[in-house]
Amino acid sequence: MSYYTYHVFFCNNQRDDGEQCCEQHNAQSMRDHAKSRAKSLGLVRSGKVRINTAGCLNRCEHGPVMVVYPEATWYTYVDQSDIDDIIDEHLVKNRVVERLRIPS
């Protein structure tokens, strides 16, 4: 069994050549929001959730991306409300947010 129920990785890669990358979509601030929100819900202290920065996840064609393990569920997002939906539905209620899911 995993130490965490969910381990969440946010790509926050910044490409210097101007090519598509997650940091062009404020990925670091979205990760910071997710970590703060998970803490405020008590998910971090309980050991249920770990929010991490991953660097490049090589899925740039999908816009900003994050992946939730152990299921390897990939998501894209636009804003903090999308992040909140992923936290509320997937991390709290164990339900995949299909509208934000991208193919594995």
N, C-alpha and C. Protein backbone atom coordinates (compact mmCIF):
# COMPACT_ATOMS: atom_id res chain seq x y z
N MET A 1 0.83 -1.18 0.00
CA MET A 1 0.00 0.00 0.00
C MET A 1 0.88 1.25 0.00
N SER A 2 0.44 2.26 -0.73
CA SER A 2 1.17 3.51 -0.84
C SER A 2 1.08 4.30 0.46
N TYR A 3 2.11 5.09 0.74
CA TYR A 3 2.09 5.95 1.92
C TYR A 3 0.96 6.97 1.83
N TYR A 4 0.80 7.55 0.63
CA TYR A 4 -0.27 8.51 0.39
C TYR A 4 -1.42 7.82 -0.34
N THR A 5 -2.63 8.24 -0.06
CA THR A 5 -3.75 7.75 -0.84
C THR A 5 -3.64 8.28 -2.27
N TYR A 6 -3.29 9.57 -2.40
CA TYR A 6 -3.10 10.20 -3.70
C TYR A 6 -1.80 10.99 -3.72
N HIS A 7 -1.08 10.84 -4.81
CA HIS A 7 0.13 11.60 -5.05
C HIS A 7 -0.09 12.37 -6.34
N VAL A 8 -0.08 13.71 -6.25
CA VAL A 8 -0.43 14.57 -7.37
C VAL A 8 0.83 15.29 -7.86
N PHE A 9 1.08 15.19 -9.15
CA PHE A 9 2.24 15.85 -9.76
C PHE A 9 1.78 16.89 -10.77
N PHE A 10 2.25 18.11 -10.60
CA PHE A 10 1.98 19.21 -11.53
C PHE A 10 3.20 19.44 -12.39
N CYS A 11 3.02 19.44 -13.70
CA CYS A 11 4.10 19.86 -14.58
C CYS A 11 4.19 21.38 -14.48
N ASN A 12 5.38 21.89 -14.25
CA ASN A 12 5.57 23.34 -14.25
C ASN A 12 6.78 23.71 -15.11
N ASN A 13 7.01 22.92 -16.14
CA ASN A 13 8.15 23.13 -17.02
C ASN A 13 8.06 24.48 -17.73
N GLN A 14 9.20 25.14 -17.83
CA GLN A 14 9.32 26.39 -18.58
C GLN A 14 10.33 26.17 -19.69
N ARG A 15 9.89 26.27 -20.92
CA ARG A 15 10.79 26.11 -22.07
C ARG A 15 11.29 27.48 -22.51
N ASP A 16 12.58 27.58 -22.71
CA ASP A 16 13.20 28.84 -23.08
C ASP A 16 13.07 29.15 -24.56
N ASP A 17 12.73 28.15 -25.37
CA ASP A 17 12.67 28.35 -26.82
C ASP A 17 11.32 28.85 -27.31
N GLY A 18 10.39 29.12 -26.39
CA GLY A 18 9.08 29.62 -26.77
C GLY A 18 8.08 28.55 -27.13
N GLU A 19 8.48 27.28 -27.13
CA GLU A 19 7.54 26.20 -27.42
C GLU A 19 6.52 26.08 -26.28
N GLN A 20 5.38 25.45 -26.62
CA GLN A 20 4.31 25.22 -25.65
C GLN A 20 4.86 24.56 -24.39
N CYS A 21 4.47 25.09 -23.23
CA CYS A 21 4.86 24.48 -21.96
C CYS A 21 3.83 24.84 -20.90
N CYS A 22 3.81 24.07 -19.84
CA CYS A 22 2.80 24.26 -18.80
C CYS A 22 2.95 25.58 -18.05
N GLU A 23 4.16 26.03 -17.85
CA GLU A 23 4.35 27.27 -17.09
C GLU A 23 3.78 28.48 -17.82
N GLN A 24 3.57 28.39 -19.13
CA GLN A 24 2.90 29.46 -19.86
C GLN A 24 1.45 29.62 -19.40
N HIS A 25 0.94 28.64 -18.68
CA HIS A 25 -0.44 28.64 -18.19
C HIS A 25 -0.49 28.75 -16.66
N ASN A 26 0.52 29.39 -16.08
CA ASN A 26 0.57 29.62 -14.62
C ASN A 26 0.56 28.33 -13.81
N ALA A 27 1.25 27.33 -14.29
CA ALA A 27 1.24 26.02 -13.63
C ALA A 27 1.74 26.08 -12.19
N GLN A 28 2.77 26.87 -11.93
CA GLN A 28 3.29 26.94 -10.56
C GLN A 28 2.26 27.54 -9.61
N SER A 29 1.58 28.58 -10.04
CA SER A 29 0.57 29.18 -9.15
C SER A 29 -0.63 28.24 -8.97
N MET A 30 -0.95 27.44 -9.99
CA MET A 30 -2.03 26.46 -9.85
C MET A 30 -1.63 25.36 -8.87
N ARG A 31 -0.37 24.94 -8.94
CA ARG A 31 0.14 23.94 -7.99
C ARG A 31 0.12 24.50 -6.58
N ASP A 32 0.53 25.76 -6.42
CA ASP A 32 0.53 26.40 -5.11
C ASP A 32 -0.89 26.47 -4.56
N HIS A 33 -1.84 26.80 -5.43
CA HIS A 33 -3.25 26.84 -5.01
C HIS A 33 -3.71 25.45 -4.56
N ALA A 34 -3.37 24.43 -5.34
CA ALA A 34 -3.78 23.06 -4.99
C ALA A 34 -3.21 22.66 -3.64
N LYS A 35 -1.94 22.97 -3.42
CA LYS A 35 -1.32 22.60 -2.15
C LYS A 35 -1.98 23.33 -0.98
N SER A 36 -2.23 24.61 -1.16
CA SER A 36 -2.88 25.40 -0.12
C SER A 36 -4.29 24.88 0.17
N ARG A 37 -5.02 24.60 -0.87
CA ARG A 37 -6.41 24.11 -0.70
C ARG A 37 -6.42 22.74 -0.04
N ALA A 38 -5.53 21.85 -0.47
CA ALA A 38 -5.45 20.52 0.15
C ALA A 38 -5.11 20.63 1.63
N LYS A 39 -4.22 21.55 1.97
CA LYS A 39 -3.88 21.78 3.37
C LYS A 39 -5.09 22.28 4.15
N SER A 40 -5.80 23.25 3.56
CA SER A 40 -6.95 23.82 4.27
C SER A 40 -8.06 22.79 4.50
N LEU A 41 -8.13 21.79 3.63
CA LEU A 41 -9.12 20.71 3.79
C LEU A 41 -8.64 19.59 4.71
N GLY A 42 -7.41 19.70 5.20
CA GLY A 42 -6.85 18.69 6.09
C GLY A 42 -6.36 17.44 5.37
N LEU A 43 -6.24 17.51 4.06
CA LEU A 43 -5.82 16.33 3.29
C LEU A 43 -4.32 16.07 3.40
N VAL A 44 -3.54 17.12 3.60
CA VAL A 44 -2.09 16.97 3.65
C VAL A 44 -1.65 16.44 5.01
N ARG A 45 -2.13 17.04 6.05
CA ARG A 45 -1.74 16.60 7.40
C ARG A 45 -2.14 15.16 7.67
N SER A 46 -3.24 14.74 7.11
CA SER A 46 -3.72 13.37 7.34
C SER A 46 -2.87 12.33 6.62
N GLY A 47 -2.00 12.80 5.71
CA GLY A 47 -1.20 11.87 4.93
C GLY A 47 -1.97 11.31 3.75
N LYS A 48 -3.15 11.84 3.49
CA LYS A 48 -3.96 11.34 2.39
C LYS A 48 -3.46 11.81 1.04
N VAL A 49 -2.97 13.06 0.97
CA VAL A 49 -2.60 13.66 -0.31
C VAL A 49 -1.23 14.31 -0.22
N ARG A 50 -0.47 14.15 -1.28
CA ARG A 50 0.81 14.85 -1.44
C ARG A 50 0.77 15.58 -2.78
N ILE A 51 1.00 16.90 -2.78
CA ILE A 51 1.03 17.70 -4.00
C ILE A 51 2.48 18.03 -4.30
N ASN A 52 2.94 17.68 -5.51
CA ASN A 52 4.34 17.89 -5.88
C ASN A 52 4.48 18.60 -7.22
N THR A 53 5.64 19.20 -7.41
CA THR A 53 6.06 19.74 -8.70
C THR A 53 6.84 18.65 -9.41
N ALA A 54 6.59 18.47 -10.70
CA ALA A 54 7.23 17.37 -11.41
C ALA A 54 8.21 17.80 -12.49
N GLY A 55 8.28 19.07 -12.84
CA GLY A 55 9.06 19.42 -14.01
C GLY A 55 8.30 18.95 -15.24
N CYS A 56 8.99 18.64 -16.30
CA CYS A 56 8.32 18.30 -17.56
C CYS A 56 7.72 16.89 -17.51
N LEU A 57 6.41 16.82 -17.81
CA LEU A 57 5.73 15.52 -17.92
C LEU A 57 5.52 15.13 -19.39
N ASN A 58 6.01 15.98 -20.31
CA ASN A 58 6.03 15.68 -21.75
C ASN A 58 4.63 15.48 -22.34
N ARG A 59 3.66 16.24 -21.87
CA ARG A 59 2.29 16.18 -22.40
C ARG A 59 1.82 17.58 -22.79
N CYS A 60 2.72 18.37 -23.30
CA CYS A 60 2.48 19.79 -23.57
C CYS A 60 1.32 20.04 -24.53
N GLU A 61 1.04 19.10 -25.39
CA GLU A 61 -0.03 19.30 -26.37
C GLU A 61 -1.40 19.41 -25.71
N HIS A 62 -1.50 19.04 -24.44
CA HIS A 62 -2.77 19.10 -23.73
C HIS A 62 -2.91 20.36 -22.88
N GLY A 63 -1.97 21.27 -23.00
CA GLY A 63 -2.00 22.47 -22.16
C GLY A 63 -1.39 22.17 -20.81
N PRO A 64 -1.73 22.88 -19.76
CA PRO A 64 -1.16 22.55 -18.46
C PRO A 64 -1.69 21.18 -18.01
N VAL A 65 -0.81 20.37 -17.45
CA VAL A 65 -1.21 19.03 -17.05
C VAL A 65 -0.78 18.72 -15.62
N MET A 66 -1.52 17.79 -15.06
CA MET A 66 -1.20 17.20 -13.76
C MET A 66 -1.62 15.74 -13.82
N VAL A 67 -1.01 14.92 -12.98
CA VAL A 67 -1.37 13.51 -12.93
C VAL A 67 -1.55 13.09 -11.49
N VAL A 68 -2.58 12.26 -11.26
CA VAL A 68 -2.90 11.78 -9.92
C VAL A 68 -2.60 10.28 -9.88
N TYR A 69 -1.73 9.89 -8.95
CA TYR A 69 -1.42 8.48 -8.72
C TYR A 69 -2.05 8.05 -7.41
N PRO A 70 -2.41 6.78 -7.26
CA PRO A 70 -1.89 5.63 -8.00
C PRO A 70 -2.62 5.28 -9.28
N GLU A 71 -3.73 5.95 -9.60
CA GLU A 71 -4.49 5.55 -10.78
C GLU A 71 -3.89 6.02 -12.09
N ALA A 72 -2.94 6.96 -12.04
CA ALA A 72 -2.37 7.59 -13.22
C ALA A 72 -3.46 8.28 -14.05
N THR A 73 -4.27 9.06 -13.36
CA THR A 73 -5.32 9.84 -14.01
C THR A 73 -4.72 11.20 -14.39
N TRP A 74 -4.74 11.49 -15.69
CA TRP A 74 -4.18 12.73 -16.22
C TRP A 74 -5.28 13.77 -16.38
N TYR A 75 -4.95 15.00 -15.97
CA TYR A 75 -5.88 16.11 -16.09
C TYR A 75 -5.22 17.32 -16.74
N THR A 76 -6.05 18.12 -17.39
CA THR A 76 -5.69 19.47 -17.77
C THR A 76 -6.61 20.41 -17.00
N TYR A 77 -6.30 21.68 -16.99
CA TYR A 77 -7.09 22.64 -16.24
C TYR A 77 -6.90 24.02 -16.84
N VAL A 78 -7.82 24.92 -16.52
CA VAL A 78 -7.74 26.29 -17.01
C VAL A 78 -7.50 27.27 -15.86
N ASP A 79 -8.17 27.03 -14.74
CA ASP A 79 -8.10 28.01 -13.65
C ASP A 79 -8.27 27.31 -12.30
N GLN A 80 -8.32 28.11 -11.25
CA GLN A 80 -8.42 27.57 -9.90
C GLN A 80 -9.70 26.79 -9.67
N SER A 81 -10.76 27.16 -10.34
CA SER A 81 -12.01 26.41 -10.14
C SER A 81 -11.88 24.98 -10.69
N ASP A 82 -11.12 24.80 -11.77
CA ASP A 82 -10.85 23.44 -12.26
C ASP A 82 -10.03 22.66 -11.24
N ILE A 83 -9.04 23.29 -10.65
CA ILE A 83 -8.22 22.64 -9.62
C ILE A 83 -9.11 22.26 -8.44
N ASP A 84 -9.98 23.18 -8.03
CA ASP A 84 -10.90 22.89 -6.92
C ASP A 84 -11.80 21.71 -7.24
N ASP A 85 -12.29 21.63 -8.48
CA ASP A 85 -13.13 20.49 -8.88
C ASP A 85 -12.36 19.18 -8.78
N ILE A 86 -11.11 19.18 -9.21
CA ILE A 86 -10.29 17.96 -9.13
C ILE A 86 -10.07 17.57 -7.67
N ILE A 87 -9.79 18.54 -6.83
CA ILE A 87 -9.59 18.24 -5.41
C ILE A 87 -10.88 17.72 -4.79
N ASP A 88 -11.97 18.45 -5.00
CA ASP A 88 -13.24 18.07 -4.38
C ASP A 88 -13.75 16.73 -4.86
N GLU A 89 -13.67 16.50 -6.14
CA GLU A 89 -14.22 15.26 -6.71
C GLU A 89 -13.25 14.09 -6.61
N HIS A 90 -12.04 14.26 -7.11
CA HIS A 90 -11.12 13.12 -7.17
C HIS A 90 -10.46 12.84 -5.82
N LEU A 91 -9.87 13.88 -5.22
CA LEU A 91 -9.10 13.64 -3.99
C LEU A 91 -9.97 13.46 -2.76
N VAL A 92 -11.14 14.07 -2.74
CA VAL A 92 -12.03 13.93 -1.57
C VAL A 92 -13.05 12.81 -1.78
N LYS A 93 -13.70 12.80 -2.95
CA LYS A 93 -14.80 11.86 -3.19
C LYS A 93 -14.42 10.65 -4.06
N ASN A 94 -13.16 10.60 -4.49
CA ASN A 94 -12.67 9.47 -5.29
C ASN A 94 -13.44 9.30 -6.59
N ARG A 95 -13.80 10.43 -7.23
CA ARG A 95 -14.51 10.40 -8.51
C ARG A 95 -13.72 11.19 -9.55
N VAL A 96 -13.44 10.56 -10.66
CA VAL A 96 -12.69 11.20 -11.74
C VAL A 96 -13.52 12.35 -12.33
N VAL A 97 -12.87 13.45 -12.62
CA VAL A 97 -13.52 14.61 -13.24
C VAL A 97 -13.35 14.45 -14.75
N GLU A 98 -14.33 13.83 -15.35
CA GLU A 98 -14.22 13.46 -16.76
C GLU A 98 -14.04 14.65 -17.70
N ARG A 99 -14.63 15.78 -17.40
CA ARG A 99 -14.53 16.93 -18.30
C ARG A 99 -13.10 17.47 -18.38
N LEU A 100 -12.27 17.17 -17.40
CA LEU A 100 -10.87 17.64 -17.38
C LEU A 100 -9.86 16.53 -17.64
N ARG A 101 -10.33 15.33 -17.75
CA ARG A 101 -9.44 14.18 -17.95
C ARG A 101 -8.89 14.17 -19.37
N ILE A 102 -7.62 13.82 -19.49
CA ILE A 102 -7.00 13.63 -20.80
C ILE A 102 -6.55 12.18 -20.91
N PRO A 103 -6.40 11.67 -22.13
CA PRO A 103 -6.04 10.26 -22.29
C PRO A 103 -4.70 9.92 -21.64
N SER A 104 -4.64 8.75 -21.06
CA SER A 104 -3.39 8.28 -20.44
C SER A 104 -2.36 7.90 -21.47
